[in-house]
Amino acid sequence: MISHFRSLNAVIVVRTVTTIGDADVLCIAFLHSIEWESRTLKSRLTVLIALTTVVVLSSVGCATRKYARNRISERVTPLEHRTGELEETSRRNTQDIGRLSTDITDVRGRAERAQSQADTALSRADEANTRVTGTEQAVSDLRTNLDNYALKNTASVRFKFDSSELTPEARQSLDQLAAQIKDRDNFILEIQGFADWIGSDGYNNQLTQNRAEAVRRYIAEQHNIALFRMHILGFGKIRPVADNKTPEGRAENRRVEIRLLTRSIGGAAAQTKTATQR
């Protein structure tokens, strides 16, 4: 474009020279040259302004980006710290949850063991209750059976003073009583020992117990009577049957009384039938 402007000026100068004077030509050429320089200067100034604008805008853009980076960094850094704290809190919570899960498992195991022990205790209690119920029933049956026993016969044997040995007369009386036992399953023997009033209570209690034991031993050995069917007790010097002030009365009080009790099978069956009908 500059070359074009220069060519144009030269033509103008040439044409002008041919028509006017040299001085005028020089003035005109100088004016055109000034105009061209002005245009060139304007063009350069425009380019310079454009470049300055670009540089300024570039600087502003860099400053803006730097500012943005700084602002972002100011916001991101706390977030990074906060994220780290949250991660650490999450890690601790995970550990706490793990420990809590372990504790829960341990507590559950203890609870299950306690429940098992409680079930075992309850089962044992039920068994004990069953045994108690059975025992109560057995006692009730025993009472019922005892109510069915009736006195069939009695015998009395005497002892010498301060002695628990059986005399021949006592053995004979015991043999006669044992002969009356026909049913070996439905009877009991009550054997009670007594003494006179001579001696202390403790001594007489032991003496009468020995006398009752001598009677039971003789019946068991000589007549094969089961021991559980014979019940003995020494009463000492209580329940006298004669006056202890006389030798004859004291001799009668040194005794053992035997009571033969038998159970009526028919009566028991009748009672059972009546209870069933009720």
C-alpha atoms as a PDB file:
ATOM      1  CA  MET A   1       0.000   0.000   0.000  1.00  0.00           C
ATOM      2  CA  ILE A   2       2.913   2.353   0.810  1.00  0.00           C
ATOM      3  CA  SER A   3       4.511   1.677  -2.610  1.00  0.00           C
ATOM      4  CA  HIS A   4       1.200   2.526  -4.249  1.00  0.00           C
ATOM      5  CA  PHE A   5       1.018   5.810  -2.394  1.00  0.00           C
ATOM      6  CA  ARG A   6       4.607   6.672  -3.404  1.00  0.00           C
ATOM      7  CA  SER A   7       3.925   5.946  -7.091  1.00  0.00           C
ATOM      8  CA  LEU A   8       0.850   8.079  -6.998  1.00  0.00           C
ATOM      9  CA  ASN A   9       2.733  11.002  -5.510  1.00  0.00           C
ATOM     10  CA  ALA A  10       5.447  10.732  -8.137  1.00  0.00           C
ATOM     11  CA  VAL A  11       2.865  10.896 -10.933  1.00  0.00           C
ATOM     12  CA  ILE A  12       1.277  13.881  -9.345  1.00  0.00           C
ATOM     13  CA  VAL A  13       4.623  15.560  -9.002  1.00  0.00           C
ATOM     14  CA  VAL A  14       5.551  14.854 -12.615  1.00  0.00           C
ATOM     15  CA  ARG A  15       2.220  16.078 -13.933  1.00  0.00           C
ATOM     16  CA  THR A  16       2.356  19.162 -11.802  1.00  0.00           C
ATOM     17  CA  VAL A  17       5.859  20.024 -12.837  1.00  0.00           C
ATOM     18  CA  THR A  18       4.829  20.091 -16.390  1.00  0.00           C
ATOM     19  CA  THR A  19       2.089  22.574 -15.764  1.00  0.00           C
ATOM     20  CA  ILE A  20       3.402  24.830 -12.997  1.00  0.00           C
ATOM     21  CA  GLY A  21       6.720  26.152 -11.679  1.00  0.00           C
ATOM     22  CA  ASP A  22       9.455  24.260  -9.871  1.00  0.00           C
ATOM     23  CA  ALA A  23       8.873  26.015  -6.561  1.00  0.00           C
ATOM     24  CA  ASP A  24       5.280  25.196  -6.624  1.00  0.00           C
ATOM     25  CA  VAL A  25       6.119  21.668  -7.544  1.00  0.00           C
ATOM     26  CA  LEU A  26       8.442  21.348  -4.627  1.00  0.00           C
ATOM     27  CA  CYS A  27       5.876  22.762  -2.230  1.00  0.00           C
ATOM     28  CA  ILE A  28       3.250  20.425  -3.450  1.00  0.00           C
ATOM     29  CA  ALA A  29       5.612  17.496  -3.213  1.00  0.00           C
ATOM     30  CA  PHE A  30       6.564  18.519   0.295  1.00  0.00           C
ATOM     31  CA  LEU A  31       2.928  18.760   1.292  1.00  0.00           C
ATOM     32  CA  HIS A  32       2.180  15.362  -0.158  1.00  0.00           C
ATOM     33  CA  SER A  33       5.199  13.960   1.611  1.00  0.00           C
ATOM     34  CA  ILE A  34       3.991  15.414   4.892  1.00  0.00           C
ATOM     35  CA  GLU A  35       0.528  13.978   4.293  1.00  0.00           C
ATOM     36  CA  TRP A  36       2.026  10.567   3.513  1.00  0.00           C
ATOM     37  CA  GLU A  37       4.184  10.638   6.615  1.00  0.00           C
ATOM     38  CA  SER A  38       1.170  11.622   8.650  1.00  0.00           C
ATOM     39  CA  ARG A  39      -0.774   8.705   7.269  1.00  0.00           C
ATOM     40  CA  THR A  40       2.151   6.386   7.890  1.00  0.00           C
ATOM     41  CA  LEU A  41       2.478   7.704  11.431  1.00  0.00           C
ATOM     42  CA  LYS A  42      -1.225   7.175  11.994  1.00  0.00           C
ATOM     43  CA  SER A  43      -0.929   3.637  10.703  1.00  0.00           C
ATOM     44  CA  ARG A  44       2.024   2.953  12.930  1.00  0.00           C
ATOM     45  CA  LEU A  45       0.250   4.568  15.842  1.00  0.00           C
ATOM     46  CA  THR A  46      -2.775   2.401  15.177  1.00  0.00           C
ATOM     47  CA  VAL A  47      -0.623  -0.714  15.068  1.00  0.00           C
ATOM     48  CA  LEU A  48       1.166   0.397  18.219  1.00  0.00           C
ATOM     49  CA  ILE A  49      -2.135   1.004  19.976  1.00  0.00           C
ATOM     50  CA  ALA A  50      -3.374  -2.383  18.860  1.00  0.00           C
ATOM     51  CA  LEU A  51      -0.217  -4.083  20.074  1.00  0.00           C
ATOM     52  CA  THR A  52      -0.398  -2.155  23.343  1.00  0.00           C
ATOM     53  CA  THR A  53      -4.004  -3.206  23.735  1.00  0.00           C
ATOM     54  CA  VAL A  54      -3.083  -6.817  23.096  1.00  0.00           C
ATOM     55  CA  VAL A  55      -0.221  -6.605  25.569  1.00  0.00           C
ATOM     56  CA  VAL A  56      -2.404  -4.875  28.121  1.00  0.00           C
ATOM     57  CA  LEU A  57      -5.192  -7.358  27.598  1.00  0.00           C
ATOM     58  CA  SER A  58      -2.683 -10.179  27.829  1.00  0.00           C
ATOM     59  CA  SER A  59      -1.313  -8.716  31.036  1.00  0.00           C
ATOM     60  CA  VAL A  60      -4.806  -8.225  32.361  1.00  0.00           C
ATOM     61  CA  GLY A  61      -5.672 -11.777  31.362  1.00  0.00           C
ATOM     62  CA  CYS A  62      -2.576 -13.121  33.107  1.00  0.00           C
ATOM     63  CA  ALA A  63      -3.305 -11.027  36.164  1.00  0.00           C
ATOM     64  CA  THR A  64      -6.903 -12.217  36.098  1.00  0.00           C
ATOM     65  CA  ARG A  65      -5.852 -15.841  35.800  1.00  0.00           C
ATOM     66  CA  LYS A  66      -3.328 -15.382  38.609  1.00  0.00           C
ATOM     67  CA  TYR A  67      -5.950 -13.696  40.710  1.00  0.00           C
ATOM     68  CA  ALA A  68      -8.399 -16.488  39.926  1.00  0.00           C
ATOM     69  CA  ARG A  69      -5.770 -19.085  40.776  1.00  0.00           C
ATOM     70  CA  ASN A  70      -5.049 -17.305  44.056  1.00  0.00           C
ATOM     71  CA  ARG A  71      -8.730 -17.091  44.906  1.00  0.00           C
ATOM     72  CA  ILE A  72      -9.288 -20.719  43.977  1.00  0.00           C
ATOM     73  CA  SER A  73      -6.246 -21.713  46.001  1.00  0.00           C
ATOM     74  CA  GLU A  74      -7.586 -19.752  48.962  1.00  0.00           C
ATOM     75  CA  ARG A  75     -10.831 -21.701  48.749  1.00  0.00           C
ATOM     76  CA  VAL A  76      -9.405 -25.085  47.795  1.00  0.00           C
ATOM     77  CA  THR A  77      -6.754 -25.227  50.540  1.00  0.00           C
ATOM     78  CA  PRO A  78      -9.285 -25.125  53.440  1.00  0.00           C
ATOM     79  CA  LEU A  79     -11.393 -27.613  51.562  1.00  0.00           C
ATOM     80  CA  GLU A  80      -8.401 -29.910  51.243  1.00  0.00           C
ATOM     81  CA  HIS A  81      -7.713 -29.559  54.977  1.00  0.00           C
ATOM     82  CA  ARG A  82     -11.386 -30.178  55.704  1.00  0.00           C
ATOM     83  CA  THR A  83     -11.372 -33.201  53.414  1.00  0.00           C
ATOM     84  CA  GLY A  84      -8.338 -34.569  55.266  1.00  0.00           C
ATOM     85  CA  GLU A  85     -10.073 -34.040  58.582  1.00  0.00           C
ATOM     86  CA  LEU A  86     -13.187 -35.776  57.292  1.00  0.00           C
ATOM     87  CA  GLU A  87     -11.122 -38.691  56.032  1.00  0.00           C
ATOM     88  CA  GLU A  88      -9.418 -38.980  59.439  1.00  0.00           C
ATOM     89  CA  THR A  89     -12.805 -38.778  61.185  1.00  0.00           C
ATOM     90  CA  SER A  90     -14.166 -41.425  58.825  1.00  0.00           C
ATOM     91  CA  ARG A  91     -11.181 -43.659  59.579  1.00  0.00           C
ATOM     92  CA  ARG A  92     -11.711 -43.242  63.327  1.00  0.00           C
ATOM     93  CA  ASN A  93     -15.435 -43.888  62.959  1.00  0.00           C
ATOM     94  CA  THR A  94     -14.665 -47.037  61.003  1.00  0.00           C
ATOM     95  CA  GLN A  95     -12.373 -48.212  63.810  1.00  0.00           C
ATOM     96  CA  ASP A  96     -14.997 -47.323  66.429  1.00  0.00           C
ATOM     97  CA  ILE A  97     -17.650 -49.189  64.442  1.00  0.00           C
ATOM     98  CA  GLY A  98     -15.353 -52.207  64.247  1.00  0.00           C
ATOM     99  CA  ARG A  99     -14.773 -52.168  68.000  1.00  0.00           C
ATOM    100  CA  LEU A 100     -18.479 -51.635  68.612  1.00  0.00           C
ATOM    101  CA  SER A 101     -19.310 -54.573  66.350  1.00  0.00           C
ATOM    102  CA  THR A 102     -16.845 -56.722  68.291  1.00  0.00           C
ATOM    103  CA  ASP A 103     -18.401 -55.604  71.581  1.00  0.00           C
ATOM    104  CA  ILE A 104     -21.889 -56.323  70.259  1.00  0.00           C
ATOM    105  CA  THR A 105     -20.792 -59.789  69.168  1.00  0.00           C
ATOM    106  CA  ASP A 106     -19.267 -60.408  72.599  1.00  0.00           C
ATOM    107  CA  VAL A 107     -22.394 -59.172  74.364  1.00  0.00           C
ATOM    108  CA  ARG A 108     -24.563 -61.304  72.105  1.00  0.00           C
ATOM    109  CA  GLY A 109     -22.429 -64.339  72.906  1.00  0.00           C
ATOM    110  CA  ARG A 110     -22.711 -63.645  76.621  1.00  0.00           C
ATOM    111  CA  ALA A 111     -26.457 -63.192  76.285  1.00  0.00           C
ATOM    112  CA  GLU A 112     -26.749 -66.484  74.434  1.00  0.00           C
ATOM    113  CA  ARG A 113     -24.679 -68.239  77.116  1.00  0.00           C
ATOM    114  CA  ALA A 114     -26.797 -66.636  79.830  1.00  0.00           C
ATOM    115  CA  GLN A 115     -29.957 -67.714  78.013  1.00  0.00           C
ATOM    116  CA  SER A 116     -28.576 -71.240  77.703  1.00  0.00           C
ATOM    117  CA  GLN A 117     -27.767 -71.296  81.415  1.00  0.00           C
ATOM    118  CA  ALA A 118     -31.228 -69.938  82.195  1.00  0.00           C
ATOM    119  CA  ASP A 119     -32.808 -72.624  80.016  1.00  0.00           C
ATOM    120  CA  THR A 120     -30.731 -75.273  81.781  1.00  0.00           C
ATOM    121  CA  ALA A 121     -31.708 -73.901  85.184  1.00  0.00           C
ATOM    122  CA  LEU A 122     -35.350 -73.806  84.115  1.00  0.00           C
ATOM    123  CA  SER A 123     -35.120 -77.379  82.896  1.00  0.00           C
ATOM    124  CA  ARG A 124     -33.580 -78.446  86.186  1.00  0.00           C
ATOM    125  CA  ALA A 125     -36.272 -76.537  88.052  1.00  0.00           C
ATOM    126  CA  ASP A 126     -38.913 -78.344  86.013  1.00  0.00           C
ATOM    127  CA  GLU A 127     -37.267 -81.664  86.818  1.00  0.00           C
ATOM    128  CA  ALA A 128     -37.094 -80.763  90.502  1.00  0.00           C
ATOM    129  CA  ASN A 129     -40.727 -79.694  90.391  1.00  0.00           C
ATOM    130  CA  THR A 130     -41.584 -82.997  88.773  1.00  0.00           C
ATOM    131  CA  ARG A 131     -39.695 -84.849  91.500  1.00  0.00           C
ATOM    132  CA  VAL A 132     -41.395 -82.773  94.174  1.00  0.00           C
ATOM    133  CA  THR A 133     -44.753 -83.497  92.596  1.00  0.00           C
ATOM    134  CA  GLY A 134     -43.899 -87.187  92.528  1.00  0.00           C
ATOM    135  CA  THR A 135     -42.759 -87.046  96.150  1.00  0.00           C
ATOM    136  CA  GLU A 136     -45.920 -85.265  97.183  1.00  0.00           C
ATOM    137  CA  GLN A 137     -47.928 -87.892  95.375  1.00  0.00           C
ATOM    138  CA  ALA A 138     -45.935 -90.633  97.099  1.00  0.00           C
ATOM    139  CA  VAL A 139     -46.533 -89.013 100.487  1.00  0.00           C
ATOM    140  CA  SER A 140     -50.207 -88.676  99.678  1.00  0.00           C
ATOM    141  CA  ASP A 141     -50.316 -92.323  98.667  1.00  0.00           C
ATOM    142  CA  LEU A 142     -48.504 -93.254 101.864  1.00  0.00           C
ATOM    143  CA  ARG A 143     -50.995 -91.332 103.927  1.00  0.00           C
ATOM    144  CA  THR A 144     -53.799 -93.030 102.084  1.00  0.00           C
ATOM    145  CA  ASN A 145     -52.169 -96.396 102.639  1.00  0.00           C
ATOM    146  CA  LEU A 146     -51.615 -95.648 106.321  1.00  0.00           C
ATOM    147  CA  ASP A 147     -55.248 -94.783 106.652  1.00  0.00           C
ATOM    148  CA  ASN A 148     -56.000 -98.208 105.206  1.00  0.00           C
ATOM    149  CA  TYR A 149     -53.977-100.015 107.931  1.00  0.00           C
ATOM    150  CA  ALA A 150     -55.921-101.447 110.824  1.00  0.00           C
ATOM    151  CA  LEU A 151     -54.729-102.938 114.128  1.00  0.00           C
ATOM    152  CA  LYS A 152     -54.921-106.712 113.950  1.00  0.00           C
ATOM    153  CA  ASN A 153     -53.068-107.885 117.070  1.00  0.00           C
ATOM    154  CA  THR A 154     -50.758-106.777 119.867  1.00  0.00           C
ATOM    155  CA  ALA A 155     -48.095-108.447 121.967  1.00  0.00           C
ATOM    156  CA  SER A 156     -46.064-107.373 124.989  1.00  0.00           C
ATOM    157  CA  VAL A 157     -42.780-108.792 126.226  1.00  0.00           C
ATOM    158  CA  ARG A 158     -41.065-107.938 129.526  1.00  0.00           C
ATOM    159  CA  PHE A 159     -37.406-107.422 130.425  1.00  0.00           C
ATOM    160  CA  LYS A 160     -35.359-107.826 133.539  1.00  0.00           C
ATOM    161  CA  PHE A 161     -34.138-104.779 135.452  1.00  0.00           C
ATOM    162  CA  ASP A 162     -31.551-102.737 133.564  1.00  0.00           C
ATOM    163  CA  SER A 163     -31.477-105.307 130.707  1.00  0.00           C
ATOM    164  CA  SER A 164     -32.320-105.370 126.985  1.00  0.00           C
ATOM    165  CA  GLU A 165     -31.907-109.147 126.498  1.00  0.00           C
ATOM    166  CA  LEU A 166     -34.945-111.168 125.440  1.00  0.00           C
ATOM    167  CA  THR A 167     -36.181-113.820 127.892  1.00  0.00           C
ATOM    168  CA  PRO A 168     -37.455-117.235 126.707  1.00  0.00           C
ATOM    169  CA  GLU A 169     -40.994-116.076 127.447  1.00  0.00           C
ATOM    170  CA  ALA A 170     -40.427-112.964 125.283  1.00  0.00           C
ATOM    171  CA  ARG A 171     -39.178-115.051 122.354  1.00  0.00           C
ATOM    172  CA  GLN A 172     -42.216-117.320 122.601  1.00  0.00           C
ATOM    173  CA  SER A 173     -44.591-114.342 122.479  1.00  0.00           C
ATOM    174  CA  LEU A 174     -42.781-112.938 119.446  1.00  0.00           C
ATOM    175  CA  ASP A 175     -42.990-116.288 117.644  1.00  0.00           C
ATOM    176  CA  GLN A 176     -46.739-116.399 118.188  1.00  0.00           C
ATOM    177  CA  LEU A 177     -47.142-112.864 116.830  1.00  0.00           C
ATOM    178  CA  ALA A 178     -45.041-113.543 113.720  1.00  0.00           C
ATOM    179  CA  ALA A 179     -47.111-116.661 112.977  1.00  0.00           C
ATOM    180  CA  GLN A 180     -50.169-114.450 112.509  1.00  0.00           C
ATOM    181  CA  ILE A 181     -48.568-112.660 109.558  1.00  0.00           C
ATOM    182  CA  LYS A 182     -50.035-114.451 106.532  1.00  0.00           C
ATOM    183  CA  ASP A 183     -49.755-111.753 103.877  1.00  0.00           C
ATOM    184  CA  ARG A 184     -46.108-110.734 103.723  1.00  0.00           C
ATOM    185  CA  ASP A 185     -46.820-107.572 101.740  1.00  0.00           C
ATOM    186  CA  ASN A 186     -49.575-105.682 103.524  1.00  0.00           C
ATOM    187  CA  PHE A 187     -48.506-105.230 107.131  1.00  0.00           C
ATOM    188  CA  ILE A 188     -46.258-103.172 109.392  1.00  0.00           C
ATOM    189  CA  LEU A 189     -45.024-103.661 112.961  1.00  0.00           C
ATOM    190  CA  GLU A 190     -44.854-100.828 115.484  1.00  0.00           C
ATOM    191  CA  ILE A 191     -42.313-101.677 118.230  1.00  0.00           C
ATOM    192  CA  GLN A 192     -42.303 -99.374 121.287  1.00  0.00           C
ATOM    193  CA  GLY A 193     -39.924 -99.727 124.247  1.00  0.00           C
ATOM    194  CA  PHE A 194     -40.636 -98.633 127.874  1.00  0.00           C
ATOM    195  CA  ALA A 195     -38.889 -98.618 131.273  1.00  0.00           C
ATOM    196  CA  ASP A 196     -39.699 -98.068 134.928  1.00  0.00           C
ATOM    197  CA  TRP A 197     -38.962 -94.802 136.672  1.00  0.00           C
ATOM    198  CA  ILE A 198     -35.608 -95.795 138.154  1.00  0.00           C
ATOM    199  CA  GLY A 199     -32.693 -93.982 136.498  1.00  0.00           C
ATOM    200  CA  SER A 200     -32.352 -90.754 134.505  1.00  0.00           C
ATOM    201  CA  ASP A 201     -34.455 -89.891 131.505  1.00  0.00           C
ATOM    202  CA  GLY A 202     -31.498 -90.089 129.122  1.00  0.00           C
ATOM    203  CA  TYR A 203     -30.421 -93.475 130.362  1.00  0.00           C
ATOM    204  CA  ASN A 204     -33.953 -94.908 130.197  1.00  0.00           C
ATOM    205  CA  ASN A 205     -34.515 -93.499 126.708  1.00  0.00           C
ATOM    206  CA  GLN A 206     -31.427 -95.309 125.431  1.00  0.00           C
ATOM    207  CA  LEU A 207     -32.340 -98.479 127.358  1.00  0.00           C
ATOM    208  CA  THR A 208     -35.831 -98.627 125.892  1.00  0.00           C
ATOM    209  CA  GLN A 209     -34.429 -97.988 122.401  1.00  0.00           C
ATOM    210  CA  ASN A 210     -32.088-100.974 122.871  1.00  0.00           C
ATOM    211  CA  ARG A 211     -35.008-103.153 124.016  1.00  0.00           C
ATOM    212  CA  ALA A 212     -37.064-102.245 120.926  1.00  0.00           C
ATOM    213  CA  GLU A 213     -34.030-102.919 118.710  1.00  0.00           C
ATOM    214  CA  ALA A 214     -33.590-106.382 120.334  1.00  0.00           C
ATOM    215  CA  VAL A 215     -37.193-107.262 119.433  1.00  0.00           C
ATOM    216  CA  ARG A 216     -36.791-106.091 115.831  1.00  0.00           C
ATOM    217  CA  ARG A 217     -33.520-107.981 115.398  1.00  0.00           C
ATOM    218  CA  TYR A 218     -35.084-111.247 116.714  1.00  0.00           C
ATOM    219  CA  ILE A 219     -38.102-110.985 114.373  1.00  0.00           C
ATOM    220  CA  ALA A 220     -35.909-110.171 111.375  1.00  0.00           C
ATOM    221  CA  GLU A 221     -33.468-113.002 112.062  1.00  0.00           C
ATOM    222  CA  GLN A 222     -35.920-115.701 113.110  1.00  0.00           C
ATOM    223  CA  HIS A 223     -38.898-114.915 110.888  1.00  0.00           C
ATOM    224  CA  ASN A 224     -37.288-113.172 107.899  1.00  0.00           C
ATOM    225  CA  ILE A 225     -39.322-109.987 108.255  1.00  0.00           C
ATOM    226  CA  ALA A 226     -38.081-107.015 106.224  1.00  0.00           C
ATOM    227  CA  LEU A 227     -36.643-104.229 108.349  1.00  0.00           C
ATOM    228  CA  PHE A 228     -38.557-101.473 106.495  1.00  0.00           C
ATOM    229  CA  ARG A 229     -41.790-103.040 107.781  1.00  0.00           C
ATOM    230  CA  MET A 230     -40.740-102.600 111.415  1.00  0.00           C
ATOM    231  CA  HIS A 231     -40.641 -99.187 113.091  1.00  0.00           C
ATOM    232  CA  ILE A 232     -39.066 -98.841 116.542  1.00  0.00           C
ATOM    233  CA  LEU A 233     -38.900 -96.104 119.179  1.00  0.00           C
ATOM    234  CA  GLY A 234     -37.821 -96.022 122.827  1.00  0.00           C
ATOM    235  CA  PHE A 235     -40.120 -93.897 124.996  1.00  0.00           C
ATOM    236  CA  GLY A 236     -38.168 -94.172 128.262  1.00  0.00           C
ATOM    237  CA  LYS A 237     -40.141 -94.147 131.495  1.00  0.00           C
ATOM    238  CA  ILE A 238     -43.239 -92.400 130.189  1.00  0.00           C
ATOM    239  CA  ARG A 239     -46.589 -94.147 129.672  1.00  0.00           C
ATOM    240  CA  PRO A 240     -46.424 -96.551 132.643  1.00  0.00           C
ATOM    241  CA  VAL A 241     -49.090 -99.284 132.775  1.00  0.00           C
ATOM    242  CA  ALA A 242     -48.604-100.005 136.483  1.00  0.00           C
ATOM    243  CA  ASP A 243     -47.559 -98.307 139.695  1.00  0.00           C
ATOM    244  CA  ASN A 244     -43.811 -97.696 139.752  1.00  0.00           C
ATOM    245  CA  LYS A 245     -43.871 -97.625 143.532  1.00  0.00           C
ATOM    246  CA  THR A 246     -44.106-101.422 143.748  1.00  0.00           C
ATOM    247  CA  PRO A 247     -41.729-104.058 142.407  1.00  0.00           C
ATOM    248  CA  GLU A 248     -44.572-105.742 140.551  1.00  0.00           C
ATOM    249  CA  GLY A 249     -45.639-102.478 138.921  1.00  0.00           C
ATOM    250  CA  ARG A 250     -42.073-101.647 137.878  1.00  0.00           C
ATOM    251  CA  ALA A 251     -41.701-105.130 136.363  1.00  0.00           C
ATOM    252  CA  GLU A 252     -44.774-104.556 134.202  1.00  0.00           C
ATOM    253  CA  ASN A 253     -43.434-101.183 133.048  1.00  0.00           C
ATOM    254  CA  ARG A 254     -40.139-102.724 131.800  1.00  0.00           C
ATOM    255  CA  ARG A 255     -41.684-103.884 128.525  1.00  0.00           C
ATOM    256  CA  VAL A 256     -41.814-103.673 124.697  1.00  0.00           C
ATOM    257  CA  GLU A 257     -45.178-103.469 123.001  1.00  0.00           C
ATOM    258  CA  ILE A 258     -45.608-104.777 119.427  1.00  0.00           C
ATOM    259  CA  ARG A 259     -48.572-103.722 117.283  1.00  0.00           C
ATOM    260  CA  LEU A 260     -49.381-105.654 114.107  1.00  0.00           C
ATOM    261  CA  LEU A 261     -51.124-103.467 111.530  1.00  0.00           C
ATOM    262  CA  THR A 262     -52.487-104.908 108.286  1.00  0.00           C
ATOM    263  CA  ARG A 263     -53.837-103.169 105.222  1.00  0.00           C
ATOM    264  CA  SER A 264     -57.208-104.052 103.795  1.00  0.00           C
ATOM    265  CA  ILE A 265     -56.849-104.519 100.014  1.00  0.00           C
ATOM    266  CA  GLY A 266     -60.587-104.462  99.484  1.00  0.00           C
ATOM    267  CA  GLY A 267     -60.936-101.192 101.371  1.00  0.00           C
ATOM    268  CA  ALA A 268     -58.182 -99.550  99.354  1.00  0.00           C
ATOM    269  CA  ALA A 269     -59.740-100.728  96.109  1.00  0.00           C
ATOM    270  CA  ALA A 270     -63.112 -99.442  97.222  1.00  0.00           C
ATOM    271  CA  GLN A 271     -61.656 -96.025  98.035  1.00  0.00           C
ATOM    272  CA  THR A 272     -59.854 -95.873  94.698  1.00  0.00           C
ATOM    273  CA  LYS A 273     -63.078 -96.728  92.871  1.00  0.00           C
ATOM    274  CA  THR A 274     -64.999 -94.072  94.793  1.00  0.00           C
ATOM    275  CA  ALA A 275     -62.364 -91.440  94.036  1.00  0.00           C
ATOM    276  CA  THR A 276     -62.496 -92.371  90.337  1.00  0.00           C
ATOM    277  CA  GLN A 277     -66.263 -92.049  90.235  1.00  0.00           C
ATOM    278  CA  ARG A 278     -66.058 -88.592  91.794  1.00  0.00           C
END
